[in-house]
Amino acid sequence: MTLISILVGTLVAGMGSVWLAALLAYALLSRFTQHLLSLAAGALLATAFTRLLPEAFELSVEAGVSAHALFVALLVGLVFFFLLDKAELWHHGHEHGQDHAHGHAHEHDHSEHVHHTHDHHHGHSHSHQSGGWAVLLGDSVHAFGDGILIAAAFVADPRLGIAAALAVMAHEVPHHVGDLVVLRQTLNDPRAALFKLTLAGGVTAIGGVMGYLLVGALHEYLPFFLVVAASSFIYVALADLIPQLQKRLSPKETAAQVTWLFAGIALVAALGEWAQH
């Protein structure tokens, strides 16, 4: 039953986020992705600090793991994801790092950045030929890691797994919108771009199965798996999502941004209450 839940959760998080991103990107609803960024940041932070870390500490008491060891694991996780992020940017360079960043700019404020994004893509047309594969490879690796983290959460508590899967889906949607922008430029075929990105998202399920087998075999290390999952969510929220929200906005736009941020936190809290009944 746990394995089935993991498969459903990882498919929803992996493929579901791609299709929701396509709805936003292709249905010209990109203005909503800015709100989704705020929602995702709130959901990730709330899942890490109110769900994953408390569960890890509770399990650590049963497993005889010290709080110091868990905090060290949290620190190592944050540094690891920072280095992983740097390695990805260094490896792909203009192929992925800048394209992905400009994809975000395109998705977040279409009217403001459309000419700048167009000029960038025109100037780097050669990079796009391999940039599409870089995007797909990067997404596949990232999806595999997400699957392992979701599996760890499901093994600890099905309610925790649901929260983790929804949090992953929420933060992947804005990323996939940017990826679809890049892939459409590369492939010149929206359907092919969506199909290939969906396959990359499906790798989340493979990671989920591997995570289930790995966590099951190393159950005593489950608190550390949960802490690593929390460090991933915290890093993505603080290093990726929130910096994109740190720009000068009107009071009305700022209020909307903060509202959506708290909505993400409230969503996780409401999910936790609902799952307990």
Protein backbone atom coordinates (compact mmCIF):
# COMPACT_ATOMS: atom_id res chain seq x y z
CA MET A 1 0.00 0.00 0.00
CA THR A 2 2.85 2.38 0.82
CA LEU A 3 4.48 1.69 -2.54
CA ILE A 4 1.21 2.45 -4.37
CA SER A 5 0.88 5.71 -2.45
CA ILE A 6 4.45 6.60 -3.37
CA LEU A 7 3.78 5.90 -7.05
CA VAL A 8 0.62 8.03 -7.05
CA GLY A 9 2.31 10.84 -5.12
CA THR A 10 5.40 10.92 -7.32
CA LEU A 11 3.39 10.83 -10.55
CA VAL A 12 1.18 13.66 -9.36
CA ALA A 13 4.22 15.68 -8.29
CA GLY A 14 6.28 14.87 -11.39
CA MET A 15 3.88 14.68 -14.32
CA GLY A 16 1.11 16.72 -12.72
CA SER A 17 3.43 19.69 -12.28
CA VAL A 18 4.39 19.52 -15.96
CA TRP A 19 0.78 19.56 -17.15
CA LEU A 20 -0.16 22.36 -14.79
CA ALA A 21 2.86 24.31 -16.05
CA ALA A 22 1.72 23.70 -19.62
CA LEU A 23 -1.71 25.05 -18.71
CA LEU A 24 -0.10 28.20 -17.37
CA ALA A 25 2.38 28.59 -20.22
CA TYR A 26 0.21 27.65 -23.20
CA ALA A 27 -3.07 29.10 -21.97
CA LEU A 28 -1.46 32.54 -21.61
CA LEU A 29 -1.98 32.50 -17.86
CA SER A 30 1.65 33.33 -17.11
CA ARG A 31 0.59 36.26 -14.93
CA PHE A 32 -0.45 33.70 -12.32
CA THR A 33 3.02 32.16 -12.05
CA GLN A 34 4.21 35.06 -9.90
CA HIS A 35 1.50 34.20 -7.39
CA LEU A 36 2.41 30.54 -7.71
CA LEU A 37 6.01 31.34 -6.79
CA SER A 38 4.84 32.92 -3.54
CA LEU A 39 2.49 30.01 -2.87
CA ALA A 40 5.26 27.49 -3.51
CA ALA A 41 7.73 29.31 -1.27
CA GLY A 42 5.25 29.33 1.61
CA ALA A 43 4.31 25.68 1.08
CA LEU A 44 7.95 24.54 0.95
CA LEU A 45 8.97 26.40 4.09
CA ALA A 46 5.88 25.24 5.97
CA THR A 47 6.38 21.62 4.90
CA ALA A 48 10.04 21.70 5.96
CA PHE A 49 9.60 23.45 9.32
CA THR A 50 6.19 22.18 10.45
CA ARG A 51 6.10 18.69 8.93
CA LEU A 52 9.44 17.18 7.89
CA LEU A 53 11.74 18.46 10.64
CA PRO A 54 9.34 17.77 13.56
CA GLU A 55 8.75 14.25 12.20
CA ALA A 56 12.50 13.71 11.87
CA PHE A 57 13.08 14.78 15.49
CA GLU A 58 10.30 12.52 16.76
CA LEU A 59 11.75 9.55 14.90
CA SER A 60 15.25 10.42 16.08
CA VAL A 61 14.17 9.94 19.70
CA GLU A 62 12.98 6.42 18.87
CA ALA A 63 16.13 5.67 16.87
CA GLY A 64 18.48 7.14 19.48
CA VAL A 65 19.82 9.81 17.11
CA SER A 66 21.02 13.04 18.71
CA ALA A 67 19.61 16.45 17.80
CA HIS A 68 23.15 17.59 17.06
CA ALA A 69 23.51 14.91 14.39
CA LEU A 70 20.27 16.02 12.73
CA PHE A 71 21.35 19.66 12.67
CA VAL A 72 24.67 18.63 11.14
CA ALA A 73 22.73 16.68 8.50
CA LEU A 74 20.60 19.77 7.85
CA LEU A 75 23.71 21.91 7.39
CA VAL A 76 25.35 19.34 5.13
CA GLY A 77 22.14 19.09 3.09
CA LEU A 78 21.95 22.84 2.54
CA VAL A 79 25.62 23.02 1.50
CA PHE A 80 25.18 19.98 -0.75
CA PHE A 81 22.24 21.48 -2.62
CA PHE A 82 24.12 24.77 -2.95
CA LEU A 83 27.11 22.98 -4.50
CA LEU A 84 24.81 20.90 -6.70
CA ASP A 85 23.16 24.08 -7.93
CA LYS A 86 26.54 25.67 -8.64
CA ALA A 87 27.75 22.56 -10.45
CA GLU A 88 24.67 22.54 -12.66
CA LEU A 89 25.09 26.20 -13.57
CA TRP A 90 28.80 25.71 -14.22
CA HIS A 91 28.24 22.62 -16.36
CA HIS A 92 25.43 23.91 -18.50
CA GLY A 93 26.43 27.57 -18.57
CA HIS A 94 24.54 29.39 -21.28
CA GLU A 95 22.81 26.20 -22.32
CA HIS A 96 20.68 25.92 -19.20
CA GLY A 97 21.53 28.38 -16.46
CA GLN A 98 20.88 31.58 -18.38
CA ASP A 99 18.06 30.13 -20.46
CA HIS A 100 16.31 28.91 -17.34
CA ALA A 101 16.76 32.25 -15.61
CA HIS A 102 15.39 34.13 -18.59
CA GLY A 103 12.60 31.59 -18.82
CA HIS A 104 11.68 32.58 -15.28
CA ALA A 105 11.83 36.23 -16.21
CA HIS A 106 9.58 35.53 -19.16
CA GLU A 107 7.09 33.61 -17.07
CA HIS A 108 7.02 36.05 -14.18
CA ASP A 109 6.47 39.27 -16.10
CA HIS A 110 5.76 38.59 -19.74
CA SER A 111 5.07 42.13 -20.81
CA GLU A 112 8.20 43.52 -19.13
CA HIS A 113 10.73 40.98 -20.39
CA VAL A 114 9.38 39.74 -23.71
CA HIS A 115 11.77 41.79 -25.89
CA HIS A 116 14.78 41.07 -23.67
CA THR A 117 14.03 37.34 -23.69
CA HIS A 118 13.60 37.35 -27.45
CA ASP A 119 16.95 39.08 -27.96
CA HIS A 120 18.65 36.62 -25.63
CA HIS A 121 17.25 33.60 -27.48
CA HIS A 122 18.21 35.10 -30.83
CA GLY A 123 21.76 35.73 -29.67
CA HIS A 124 22.20 32.20 -28.36
CA SER A 125 20.40 30.13 -30.99
CA HIS A 126 23.31 27.73 -31.19
CA SER A 127 23.17 27.08 -27.44
CA HIS A 128 19.51 26.16 -27.75
CA GLN A 129 20.33 23.16 -29.89
CA SER A 130 21.95 21.47 -26.92
CA GLY A 131 20.21 23.57 -24.29
CA GLY A 132 17.00 21.58 -24.72
CA TRP A 133 18.73 18.34 -23.82
CA ALA A 134 20.44 20.07 -20.90
CA VAL A 135 17.04 21.13 -19.57
CA LEU A 136 15.62 17.61 -19.92
CA LEU A 137 18.67 15.98 -18.33
CA GLY A 138 18.68 18.44 -15.46
CA ASP A 139 14.96 17.97 -14.87
CA SER A 140 15.28 14.18 -14.95
CA VAL A 141 18.05 14.16 -12.35
CA HIS A 142 16.15 16.60 -10.17
CA ALA A 143 12.94 14.59 -10.53
CA PHE A 144 14.73 11.41 -9.47
CA GLY A 145 15.94 13.14 -6.31
CA ASP A 146 12.44 14.48 -5.61
CA GLY A 147 11.08 10.95 -5.90
CA ILE A 148 13.49 9.65 -3.27
CA LEU A 149 12.57 12.46 -0.88
CA ILE A 150 8.82 11.91 -1.38
CA ALA A 151 9.29 8.18 -0.77
CA ALA A 152 11.09 8.88 2.50
CA ALA A 153 8.22 11.08 3.62
CA PHE A 154 5.61 8.43 2.74
CA VAL A 155 7.52 5.72 4.61
CA ALA A 156 7.59 7.92 7.72
CA ASP A 157 3.92 8.91 7.53
CA PRO A 158 1.44 8.81 4.61
CA ARG A 159 0.14 12.27 5.61
CA LEU A 160 3.69 13.58 5.49
CA GLY A 161 4.13 12.02 2.06
CA ILE A 162 1.04 13.79 0.72
CA ALA A 163 2.31 17.12 2.04
CA ALA A 164 5.75 16.53 0.51
CA ALA A 165 4.30 15.52 -2.87
CA LEU A 166 2.09 18.62 -3.03
CA ALA A 167 4.99 20.85 -1.97
CA VAL A 168 7.22 19.37 -4.68
CA MET A 169 4.47 19.87 -7.27
CA ALA A 170 3.96 23.49 -6.19
CA HIS A 171 7.62 24.43 -6.55
CA GLU A 172 8.15 22.48 -9.77
CA VAL A 173 5.35 24.24 -11.68
CA PRO A 174 7.14 27.61 -12.02
CA HIS A 175 10.36 25.81 -12.99
CA HIS A 176 8.58 23.81 -15.68
CA VAL A 177 6.99 26.94 -17.13
CA GLY A 178 10.49 28.31 -17.70
CA ASP A 179 11.64 24.96 -19.10
CA LEU A 180 8.74 24.88 -21.56
CA VAL A 181 9.70 28.34 -22.79
CA VAL A 182 13.22 27.08 -23.52
CA LEU A 183 12.08 23.79 -25.07
CA ARG A 184 9.56 25.51 -27.35
CA GLN A 185 12.40 27.65 -28.72
CA THR A 186 14.59 24.56 -29.14
CA LEU A 187 12.12 22.07 -30.59
CA ASN A 188 9.74 24.46 -32.36
CA ASP A 189 6.99 22.02 -31.43
CA PRO A 190 4.92 22.65 -28.28
CA ARG A 191 3.58 19.07 -28.25
CA ALA A 192 7.05 17.53 -28.46
CA ALA A 193 8.27 19.87 -25.71
CA LEU A 194 5.37 18.89 -23.46
CA PHE A 195 5.82 15.17 -24.19
CA LYS A 196 9.56 15.14 -23.44
CA LEU A 197 9.17 17.22 -20.28
CA THR A 198 6.39 14.87 -19.14
CA LEU A 199 8.74 11.91 -19.54
CA ALA A 200 11.35 13.77 -17.51
CA GLY A 201 8.73 14.38 -14.82
CA GLY A 202 7.87 10.68 -14.85
CA VAL A 203 11.39 9.93 -13.60
CA THR A 204 10.05 11.08 -10.21
CA ALA A 205 8.20 7.77 -9.95
CA ILE A 206 11.43 5.84 -10.63
CA GLY A 207 13.10 7.81 -7.86
CA GLY A 208 10.12 7.02 -5.63
CA VAL A 209 10.52 3.26 -6.13
CA MET A 210 14.26 3.46 -5.52
CA GLY A 211 13.63 5.60 -2.45
CA TYR A 212 11.12 3.08 -1.13
CA LEU A 213 13.62 0.25 -1.46
CA LEU A 214 16.48 2.33 -0.06
CA VAL A 215 14.58 3.78 2.90
CA GLY A 216 13.05 0.40 3.67
CA ALA A 217 16.48 -1.18 3.84
CA LEU A 218 17.89 1.65 5.97
CA HIS A 219 14.89 2.43 8.14
CA GLU A 220 17.01 3.50 11.11
CA TYR A 221 18.38 6.33 8.97
CA LEU A 222 14.91 7.63 8.14
CA PRO A 223 15.31 10.79 10.31
CA PHE A 224 18.31 11.76 8.18
CA PHE A 225 16.36 11.21 4.95
CA LEU A 226 13.64 13.52 6.24
CA VAL A 227 16.18 16.17 7.28
CA VAL A 228 17.78 16.04 3.82
CA ALA A 229 14.32 16.42 2.27
CA ALA A 230 13.72 19.44 4.52
CA SER A 231 17.07 20.96 3.54
CA SER A 232 16.11 20.58 -0.12
CA PHE A 233 12.82 22.40 0.41
CA ILE A 234 14.45 25.15 2.48
CA TYR A 235 17.19 25.69 -0.08
CA VAL A 236 14.79 25.87 -3.02
CA ALA A 237 12.54 28.33 -1.17
CA LEU A 238 15.29 30.62 0.14
CA ALA A 239 17.82 30.42 -2.70
CA ASP A 240 15.58 30.07 -5.74
CA LEU A 241 12.00 31.20 -5.18
CA ILE A 242 12.15 34.04 -2.66
CA PRO A 243 15.03 35.90 -4.43
CA GLN A 244 12.80 36.05 -7.51
CA LEU A 245 10.14 37.72 -5.38
CA GLN A 246 12.58 40.30 -3.97
CA LYS A 247 11.92 43.14 -6.32
CA ARG A 248 10.31 46.53 -5.96
CA LEU A 249 6.56 46.24 -6.29
CA SER A 250 3.58 48.47 -5.70
CA PRO A 251 1.85 48.18 -2.30
CA LYS A 252 -0.99 46.27 -3.95
CA GLU A 253 1.36 43.79 -5.63
CA THR A 254 3.36 43.37 -2.42
CA ALA A 255 0.17 42.66 -0.47
CA ALA A 256 -0.83 40.04 -3.04
CA GLN A 257 2.63 38.46 -2.85
CA VAL A 258 2.55 38.23 0.95
CA THR A 259 -1.02 36.91 0.84
CA TRP A 260 -0.06 34.09 -1.51
CA LEU A 261 3.00 33.31 0.62
CA PHE A 262 0.81 32.89 3.70
CA ALA A 263 -1.70 30.97 1.60
CA GLY A 264 1.00 28.39 0.91
CA ILE A 265 1.71 28.11 4.63
CA ALA A 266 -2.01 27.87 5.42
CA LEU A 267 -2.46 25.20 2.75
CA VAL A 268 0.13 22.95 4.39
CA ALA A 269 -1.39 23.58 7.83
CA ALA A 270 -4.90 22.82 6.56
CA LEU A 271 -3.66 19.67 4.85
CA GLY A 272 -2.11 18.52 8.12
CA GLU A 273 -5.36 19.10 10.02
CA TRP A 274 -7.41 17.35 7.34
CA ALA A 275 -5.08 14.34 7.24
CA GLN A 276 -5.38 13.85 11.00
CA HIS A 277 -9.15 13.32 10.82
